Amino acid sequence: MQRIGSVLFGHRPPDARSGALISLLHAVKRVHKVFEGDRHELAARAKAIADGHSPAVQAVHDAVAEEMVLATTKDGFLR
C-alpha cells in the first residue's frame, strides 16, 4: 500500500496497477478508508488519477457507479 500511497500523494507517477487500484477505490468511494488525510482532498486526488487513466479503468468506474445507483434505487426512486 505504500507504493499506492506514494502515487496518490503525488510522489511518483501512476503505473497501470496503481492507477487501476486508486481508480477502483475512488469508484467505490473508499479512498479515505485506506489512506489518512482529508476526505475531500483524497477524493480529488483519486479522481484526478482516475480521470487520467485508461479507458478500461474508466469503464470499470462507470460500471461501479451505475451499480451503486441501482443498488440505492428501486424503479428510479430512492428507497
PDB file of N, CA and C in Angstrom:
ATOM      1  N   MET A   1       0.810  -1.196   0.000  1.00  0.00           N
ATOM      2  CA  MET A   1       0.000   0.000   0.000  1.00  0.00           C
ATOM      3  C   MET A   1       0.857   1.265   0.000  1.00  0.00           C
ATOM      4  N   GLN A   2       2.111   1.118   0.409  1.00  0.00           N
ATOM      5  CA  GLN A   2       2.987   2.286   0.422  1.00  0.00           C
ATOM      6  C   GLN A   2       3.180   2.834  -0.990  1.00  0.00           C
ATOM      7  N   ARG A   3       3.332   1.950  -1.959  1.00  0.00           N
ATOM      8  CA  ARG A   3       3.513   2.385  -3.350  1.00  0.00           C
ATOM      9  C   ARG A   3       2.262   3.114  -3.847  1.00  0.00           C
ATOM     10  N   ILE A   4       1.094   2.576  -3.521  1.00  0.00           N
ATOM     11  CA  ILE A   4      -0.160   3.205  -3.943  1.00  0.00           C
ATOM     12  C   ILE A   4      -0.295   4.576  -3.286  1.00  0.00           C
ATOM     13  N   GLY A   5       0.054   4.654  -2.012  1.00  0.00           N
ATOM     14  CA  GLY A   5       0.002   5.924  -1.306  1.00  0.00           C
ATOM     15  C   GLY A   5       0.937   6.957  -1.897  1.00  0.00           C
ATOM     16  N   SER A   6       2.119   6.521  -2.302  1.00  0.00           N
ATOM     17  CA  SER A   6       3.054   7.476  -2.884  1.00  0.00           C
ATOM     18  C   SER A   6       2.546   8.005  -4.225  1.00  0.00           C
ATOM     19  N   VAL A   7       1.791   7.184  -4.948  1.00  0.00           N
ATOM     20  CA  VAL A   7       1.154   7.655  -6.190  1.00  0.00           C
ATOM     21  C   VAL A   7       0.032   8.630  -5.845  1.00  0.00           C
ATOM     22  N   LEU A   8      -0.796   8.256  -4.882  1.00  0.00           N
ATOM     23  CA  LEU A   8      -1.938   9.092  -4.505  1.00  0.00           C
ATOM     24  C   LEU A   8      -1.488  10.469  -4.016  1.00  0.00           C
ATOM     25  N   PHE A   9      -0.382  10.495  -3.277  1.00  0.00           N
ATOM     26  CA  PHE A   9       0.093  11.768  -2.729  1.00  0.00           C
ATOM     27  C   PHE A   9       1.070  12.498  -3.647  1.00  0.00           C
ATOM     28  N   GLY A  10       1.231  11.999  -4.886  1.00  0.00           N
ATOM     29  CA  GLY A  10       1.993  12.713  -5.888  1.00  0.00           C
ATOM     30  C   GLY A  10       3.494  12.537  -5.839  1.00  0.00           C
ATOM     31  N   HIS A  11       3.973  11.537  -5.112  1.00  0.00           N
ATOM     32  CA  HIS A  11       5.411  11.322  -5.013  1.00  0.00           C
ATOM     33  C   HIS A  11       5.970  10.496  -6.165  1.00  0.00           C
ATOM     34  N   ARG A  12       5.096   9.816  -6.881  1.00  0.00           N
ATOM     35  CA  ARG A  12       5.515   9.054  -8.061  1.00  0.00           C
ATOM     36  C   ARG A  12       4.346   8.995  -9.032  1.00  0.00           C
ATOM     37  N   PRO A  13       4.626   8.847 -10.317  1.00  0.00           N
ATOM     38  CA  PRO A  13       3.542   8.786 -11.309  1.00  0.00           C
ATOM     39  C   PRO A  13       2.811   7.442 -11.238  1.00  0.00           C
ATOM     40  N   PRO A  14       1.540   7.430 -11.584  1.00  0.00           N
ATOM     41  CA  PRO A  14       0.796   6.163 -11.545  1.00  0.00           C
ATOM     42  C   PRO A  14       1.218   5.231 -12.678  1.00  0.00           C
ATOM     43  N   ASP A  15       1.355   3.958 -12.347  1.00  0.00           N
ATOM     44  CA  ASP A  15       1.525   2.948 -13.381  1.00  0.00           C
ATOM     45  C   ASP A  15       0.155   2.287 -13.569  1.00  0.00           C
ATOM     46  N   ALA A  16       0.077   1.296 -14.416  1.00  0.00           N
ATOM     47  CA  ALA A  16      -1.220   0.673 -14.717  1.00  0.00           C
ATOM     48  C   ALA A  16      -1.866   0.082 -13.466  1.00  0.00           C
ATOM     49  N   ARG A  17      -1.075  -0.592 -12.658  1.00  0.00           N
ATOM     50  CA  ARG A  17      -1.624  -1.251 -11.460  1.00  0.00           C
ATOM     51  C   ARG A  17      -2.079  -0.246 -10.403  1.00  0.00           C
ATOM     52  N   SER A  18      -1.207   0.695 -10.059  1.00  0.00           N
ATOM     53  CA  SER A  18      -1.569   1.662  -9.020  1.00  0.00           C
ATOM     54  C   SER A  18      -2.723   2.549  -9.476  1.00  0.00           C
ATOM     55  N   GLY A  19      -2.711   2.940 -10.744  1.00  0.00           N
ATOM     56  CA  GLY A  19      -3.812   3.753 -11.264  1.00  0.00           C
ATOM     57  C   GLY A  19      -5.137   3.017 -11.217  1.00  0.00           C
ATOM     58  N   ALA A  20      -5.102   1.732 -11.543  1.00  0.00           N
ATOM     59  CA  ALA A  20      -6.327   0.934 -11.508  1.00  0.00           C
ATOM     60  C   ALA A  20      -6.848   0.775 -10.081  1.00  0.00           C
ATOM     61  N   LEU A  21      -5.951   0.522  -9.134  1.00  0.00           N
ATOM     62  CA  LEU A  21      -6.380   0.361  -7.738  1.00  0.00           C
ATOM     63  C   LEU A  21      -6.948   1.658  -7.159  1.00  0.00           C
ATOM     64  N   ILE A  22      -6.275   2.764  -7.446  1.00  0.00           N
ATOM     65  CA  ILE A  22      -6.768   4.059  -6.967  1.00  0.00           C
ATOM     66  C   ILE A  22      -8.105   4.378  -7.623  1.00  0.00           C
ATOM     67  N   SER A  23      -8.227   4.084  -8.891  1.00  0.00           N
ATOM     68  CA  SER A  23      -9.488   4.323  -9.598  1.00  0.00           C
ATOM     69  C   SER A  23     -10.618   3.493  -9.005  1.00  0.00           C
ATOM     70  N   LEU A  24     -10.323   2.255  -8.661  1.00  0.00           N
ATOM     71  CA  LEU A  24     -11.340   1.400  -8.043  1.00  0.00           C
ATOM     72  C   LEU A  24     -11.746   1.931  -6.674  1.00  0.00           C
ATOM     73  N   LEU A  25     -10.777   2.318  -5.866  1.00  0.00           N
ATOM     74  CA  LEU A  25     -11.094   2.912  -4.564  1.00  0.00           C
ATOM     75  C   LEU A  25     -11.933   4.175  -4.730  1.00  0.00           C
ATOM     76  N   HIS A  26     -11.608   4.954  -5.740  1.00  0.00           N
ATOM     77  CA  HIS A  26     -12.388   6.167  -6.000  1.00  0.00           C
ATOM     78  C   HIS A  26     -13.815   5.810  -6.425  1.00  0.00           C
ATOM     79  N   ALA A  27     -13.945   4.789  -7.262  1.00  0.00           N
ATOM     80  CA  ALA A  27     -15.270   4.400  -7.763  1.00  0.00           C
ATOM     81  C   ALA A  27     -16.197   3.967  -6.637  1.00  0.00           C
ATOM     82  N   VAL A  28     -15.643   3.300  -5.632  1.00  0.00           N
ATOM     83  CA  VAL A  28     -16.485   2.826  -4.523  1.00  0.00           C
ATOM     84  C   VAL A  28     -16.431   3.772  -3.327  1.00  0.00           C
ATOM     85  N   LYS A  29     -15.813   4.931  -3.543  1.00  0.00           N
ATOM     86  CA  LYS A  29     -15.746   5.998  -2.522  1.00  0.00           C
ATOM     87  C   LYS A  29     -15.160   5.507  -1.197  1.00  0.00           C
ATOM     88  N   ARG A  30     -14.001   4.835  -1.293  1.00  0.00           N
ATOM     89  CA  ARG A  30     -13.364   4.301  -0.096  1.00  0.00           C
ATOM     90  C   ARG A  30     -11.894   4.691   0.049  1.00  0.00           C
ATOM     91  N   VAL A  31     -11.447   5.697  -0.696  1.00  0.00           N
ATOM     92  CA  VAL A  31     -10.054   6.122  -0.592  1.00  0.00           C
ATOM     93  C   VAL A  31      -9.748   6.542   0.844  1.00  0.00           C
ATOM     94  N   HIS A  32     -10.665   7.266   1.467  1.00  0.00           N
ATOM     95  CA  HIS A  32     -10.456   7.767   2.829  1.00  0.00           C
ATOM     96  C   HIS A  32     -10.430   6.661   3.874  1.00  0.00           C
ATOM     97  N   LYS A  33     -10.930   5.478   3.542  1.00  0.00           N
ATOM     98  CA  LYS A  33     -10.895   4.350   4.472  1.00  0.00           C
ATOM     99  C   LYS A  33      -9.536   3.658   4.469  1.00  0.00           C
ATOM    100  N   VAL A  34      -8.785   3.833   3.375  1.00  0.00           N
ATOM    101  CA  VAL A  34      -7.498   3.164   3.222  1.00  0.00           C
ATOM    102  C   VAL A  34      -6.335   4.098   3.562  1.00  0.00           C
ATOM    103  N   PHE A  35      -6.491   5.377   3.243  1.00  0.00           N
ATOM    104  CA  PHE A  35      -5.424   6.353   3.455  1.00  0.00           C
ATOM    105  C   PHE A  35      -5.882   7.454   4.390  1.00  0.00           C
ATOM    106  N   GLU A  36      -4.958   7.919   5.223  1.00  0.00           N
ATOM    107  CA  GLU A  36      -5.278   9.005   6.147  1.00  0.00           C
ATOM    108  C   GLU A  36      -5.137  10.346   5.449  1.00  0.00           C
ATOM    109  N   GLY A  37      -6.014  11.258   5.808  1.00  0.00           N
ATOM    110  CA  GLY A  37      -5.973  12.602   5.250  1.00  0.00           C
ATOM    111  C   GLY A  37      -7.384  13.148   5.111  1.00  0.00           C
ATOM    112  N   ASP A  38      -7.449  14.357   4.621  1.00  0.00           N
ATOM    113  CA  ASP A  38      -8.740  14.995   4.407  1.00  0.00           C
ATOM    114  C   ASP A  38      -9.528  14.223   3.346  1.00  0.00           C
ATOM    115  N   ARG A  39     -10.730  13.833   3.687  1.00  0.00           N
ATOM    116  CA  ARG A  39     -11.566  13.005   2.813  1.00  0.00           C
ATOM    117  C   ARG A  39     -11.752  13.636   1.429  1.00  0.00           C
ATOM    118  N   HIS A  40     -12.028  14.923   1.396  1.00  0.00           N
ATOM    119  CA  HIS A  40     -12.294  15.609   0.129  1.00  0.00           C
ATOM    120  C   HIS A  40     -11.021  15.760  -0.713  1.00  0.00           C
ATOM    121  N   GLU A  41      -9.914  16.023  -0.042  1.00  0.00           N
ATOM    122  CA  GLU A  41      -8.642  16.149  -0.747  1.00  0.00           C
ATOM    123  C   GLU A  41      -8.221  14.795  -1.341  1.00  0.00           C
ATOM    124  N   LEU A  42      -8.390  13.734  -0.565  1.00  0.00           N
ATOM    125  CA  LEU A  42      -8.068  12.394  -1.073  1.00  0.00           C
ATOM    126  C   LEU A  42      -8.945  12.035  -2.270  1.00  0.00           C
ATOM    127  N   ALA A  43     -10.229  12.353  -2.171  1.00  0.00           N
ATOM    128  CA  ALA A  43     -11.153  12.060  -3.275  1.00  0.00           C
ATOM    129  C   ALA A  43     -10.765  12.839  -4.529  1.00  0.00           C
ATOM    130  N   ALA A  44     -10.369  14.091  -4.355  1.00  0.00           N
ATOM    131  CA  ALA A  44      -9.970  14.912  -5.507  1.00  0.00           C
ATOM    132  C   ALA A  44      -8.714  14.353  -6.165  1.00  0.00           C
ATOM    133  N   ARG A  45      -7.751  13.927  -5.359  1.00  0.00           N
ATOM    134  CA  ARG A  45      -6.530  13.348  -5.920  1.00  0.00           C
ATOM    135  C   ARG A  45      -6.833  12.046  -6.651  1.00  0.00           C
ATOM    136  N   ALA A  46      -7.663  11.207  -6.034  1.00  0.00           N
ATOM    137  CA  ALA A  46      -8.026   9.936  -6.666  1.00  0.00           C
ATOM    138  C   ALA A  46      -8.793  10.171  -7.954  1.00  0.00           C
ATOM    139  N   LYS A  47      -9.660  11.170  -7.968  1.00  0.00           N
ATOM    140  CA  LYS A  47     -10.424  11.483  -9.177  1.00  0.00           C
ATOM    141  C   LYS A  47      -9.495  11.922 -10.299  1.00  0.00           C
ATOM    142  N   ALA A  48      -8.501  12.733  -9.971  1.00  0.00           N
ATOM    143  CA  ALA A  48      -7.550  13.192 -10.982  1.00  0.00           C
ATOM    144  C   ALA A  48      -6.795  12.014 -11.594  1.00  0.00           C
ATOM    145  N   ILE A  49      -6.416  11.060 -10.771  1.00  0.00           N
ATOM    146  CA  ILE A  49      -5.720   9.873 -11.273  1.00  0.00           C
ATOM    147  C   ILE A  49      -6.672   9.024 -12.108  1.00  0.00           C
ATOM    148  N   ALA A  50      -7.894   8.834 -11.609  1.00  0.00           N
ATOM    149  CA  ALA A  50      -8.877   8.024 -12.341  1.00  0.00           C
ATOM    150  C   ALA A  50      -9.231   8.663 -13.679  1.00  0.00           C
ATOM    151  N   ASP A  51      -9.381   9.973 -13.705  1.00  0.00           N
ATOM    152  CA  ASP A  51      -9.736  10.669 -14.945  1.00  0.00           C
ATOM    153  C   ASP A  51      -8.632  10.576 -15.988  1.00  0.00           C
ATOM    154  N   GLY A  52      -7.395  10.489 -15.546  1.00  0.00           N
ATOM    155  CA  GLY A  52      -6.280  10.437 -16.475  1.00  0.00           C
ATOM    156  C   GLY A  52      -5.852   9.026 -16.836  1.00  0.00           C
ATOM    157  N   HIS A  53      -6.624   8.047 -16.399  1.00  0.00           N
ATOM    158  CA  HIS A  53      -6.234   6.658 -16.629  1.00  0.00           C
ATOM    159  C   HIS A  53      -6.893   6.088 -17.878  1.00  0.00           C
ATOM    160  N   SER A  54      -6.637   4.852 -18.138  1.00  0.00           N
ATOM    161  CA  SER A  54      -7.046   4.206 -19.387  1.00  0.00           C
ATOM    162  C   SER A  54      -8.565   4.110 -19.530  1.00  0.00           C
ATOM    163  N   PRO A  55      -9.060   3.975 -20.740  1.00  0.00           N
ATOM    164  CA  PRO A  55     -10.498   3.798 -20.969  1.00  0.00           C
ATOM    165  C   PRO A  55     -11.065   2.567 -20.265  1.00  0.00           C
ATOM    166  N   ALA A  56     -10.255   1.525 -20.122  1.00  0.00           N
ATOM    167  CA  ALA A  56     -10.732   0.318 -19.431  1.00  0.00           C
ATOM    168  C   ALA A  56     -11.032   0.612 -17.968  1.00  0.00           C
ATOM    169  N   VAL A  57     -10.165   1.396 -17.329  1.00  0.00           N
ATOM    170  CA  VAL A  57     -10.393   1.766 -15.933  1.00  0.00           C
ATOM    171  C   VAL A  57     -11.629   2.649 -15.829  1.00  0.00           C
ATOM    172  N   GLN A  58     -11.801   3.556 -16.772  1.00  0.00           N
ATOM    173  CA  GLN A  58     -12.989   4.412 -16.777  1.00  0.00           C
ATOM    174  C   GLN A  58     -14.248   3.582 -16.936  1.00  0.00           C
ATOM    175  N   ALA A  59     -14.200   2.543 -17.742  1.00  0.00           N
ATOM    176  CA  ALA A  59     -15.358   1.665 -17.926  1.00  0.00           C
ATOM    177  C   ALA A  59     -15.707   0.955 -16.629  1.00  0.00           C
ATOM    178  N   VAL A  60     -14.699   0.510 -15.879  1.00  0.00           N
ATOM    179  CA  VAL A  60     -14.949  -0.132 -14.580  1.00  0.00           C
ATOM    180  C   VAL A  60     -15.563   0.878 -13.626  1.00  0.00           C
ATOM    181  N   HIS A  61     -15.015   2.091 -13.604  1.00  0.00           N
ATOM    182  CA  HIS A  61     -15.549   3.140 -12.730  1.00  0.00           C
ATOM    183  C   HIS A  61     -17.015   3.412 -13.055  1.00  0.00           C
ATOM    184  N   ASP A  62     -17.334   3.541 -14.326  1.00  0.00           N
ATOM    185  CA  ASP A  62     -18.713   3.811 -14.739  1.00  0.00           C
ATOM    186  C   ASP A  62     -19.647   2.666 -14.353  1.00  0.00           C
ATOM    187  N   ALA A  63     -19.173   1.426 -14.509  1.00  0.00           N
ATOM    188  CA  ALA A  63     -19.997   0.263 -14.162  1.00  0.00           C
ATOM    189  C   ALA A  63     -20.259   0.213 -12.661  1.00  0.00           C
ATOM    190  N   VAL A  64     -19.238   0.491 -11.857  1.00  0.00           N
ATOM    191  CA  VAL A  64     -19.424   0.501 -10.403  1.00  0.00           C
ATOM    192  C   VAL A  64     -20.387   1.608 -10.004  1.00  0.00           C
ATOM    193  N   ALA A  65     -20.230   2.784 -10.581  1.00  0.00           N
ATOM    194  CA  ALA A  65     -21.124   3.903 -10.265  1.00  0.00           C
ATOM    195  C   ALA A  65     -22.567   3.563 -10.628  1.00  0.00           C
ATOM    196  N   GLU A  66     -22.764   2.927 -11.772  1.00  0.00           N
ATOM    197  CA  GLU A  66     -24.106   2.546 -12.196  1.00  0.00           C
ATOM    198  C   GLU A  66     -24.711   1.524 -11.237  1.00  0.00           C
ATOM    199  N   GLU A  67     -23.920   0.561 -10.805  1.00  0.00           N
ATOM    200  CA  GLU A  67     -24.414  -0.445  -9.858  1.00  0.00           C
ATOM    201  C   GLU A  67     -24.760   0.187  -8.513  1.00  0.00           C
ATOM    202  N   MET A  68     -23.982   1.185  -8.101  1.00  0.00           N
ATOM    203  CA  MET A  68     -24.279   1.864  -6.838  1.00  0.00           C
ATOM    204  C   MET A  68     -25.615   2.592  -6.933  1.00  0.00           C
ATOM    205  N   VAL A  69     -25.888   3.200  -8.061  1.00  0.00           N
ATOM    206  CA  VAL A  69     -27.169   3.886  -8.257  1.00  0.00           C
ATOM    207  C   VAL A  69     -28.305   2.865  -8.236  1.00  0.00           C
ATOM    208  N   LEU A  70     -28.125   1.784  -8.940  1.00  0.00           N
ATOM    209  CA  LEU A  70     -29.172   0.760  -8.980  1.00  0.00           C
ATOM    210  C   LEU A  70     -29.408   0.131  -7.613  1.00  0.00           C
ATOM    211  N   ALA A  71     -28.345  -0.016  -6.832  1.00  0.00           N
ATOM    212  CA  ALA A  71     -28.483  -0.614  -5.508  1.00  0.00           C
ATOM    213  C   ALA A  71     -29.221   0.294  -4.534  1.00  0.00           C
ATOM    214  N   THR A  72     -29.199   1.596  -4.795  1.00  0.00           N
ATOM    215  CA  THR A  72     -29.846   2.529  -3.867  1.00  0.00           C
ATOM    216  C   THR A  72     -31.184   3.043  -4.374  1.00  0.00           C
ATOM    217  N   THR A  73     -31.599   2.563  -5.523  1.00  0.00           N
ATOM    218  CA  THR A  73     -32.882   2.998  -6.057  1.00  0.00           C
ATOM    219  C   THR A  73     -33.729   1.788  -6.424  1.00  0.00           C
ATOM    220  N   LYS A  74     -35.004   2.019  -6.519  1.00  0.00           N
ATOM    221  CA  LYS A  74     -35.909   0.983  -6.978  1.00  0.00           C
ATOM    222  C   LYS A  74     -36.840   1.637  -7.977  1.00  0.00           C
ATOM    223  N   ASP A  75     -36.809   1.147  -9.197  1.00  0.00           N
ATOM    224  CA  ASP A  75     -37.631   1.710 -10.254  1.00  0.00           C
ATOM    225  C   ASP A  75     -37.383   3.201 -10.455  1.00  0.00           C
ATOM    226  N   GLY A  76     -36.103   3.619 -10.215  1.00  0.00           N
ATOM    227  CA  GLY A  76     -35.756   5.018 -10.431  1.00  0.00           C
ATOM    228  C   GLY A  76     -36.066   5.920  -9.258  1.00  0.00           C
ATOM    229  N   PHE A  77     -36.573   5.372  -8.154  1.00  0.00           N
ATOM    230  CA  PHE A  77     -36.899   6.168  -6.982  1.00  0.00           C
ATOM    231  C   PHE A  77     -36.043   5.725  -5.812  1.00  0.00           C
ATOM    232  N   LEU A  78     -35.611   6.667  -4.993  1.00  0.00           N
ATOM    233  CA  LEU A  78     -34.824   6.314  -3.824  1.00  0.00           C
ATOM    234  C   LEU A  78     -35.660   5.461  -2.880  1.00  0.00           C
ATOM    235  N   ARG A  79     -35.016   4.510  -2.265  1.00  0.00           N
ATOM    236  CA  ARG A  79     -35.699   3.627  -1.322  1.00  0.00           C
ATOM    237  C   ARG A  79     -36.046   4.348  -0.051  1.00  0.00           C
TER     238      ARG A  79
END
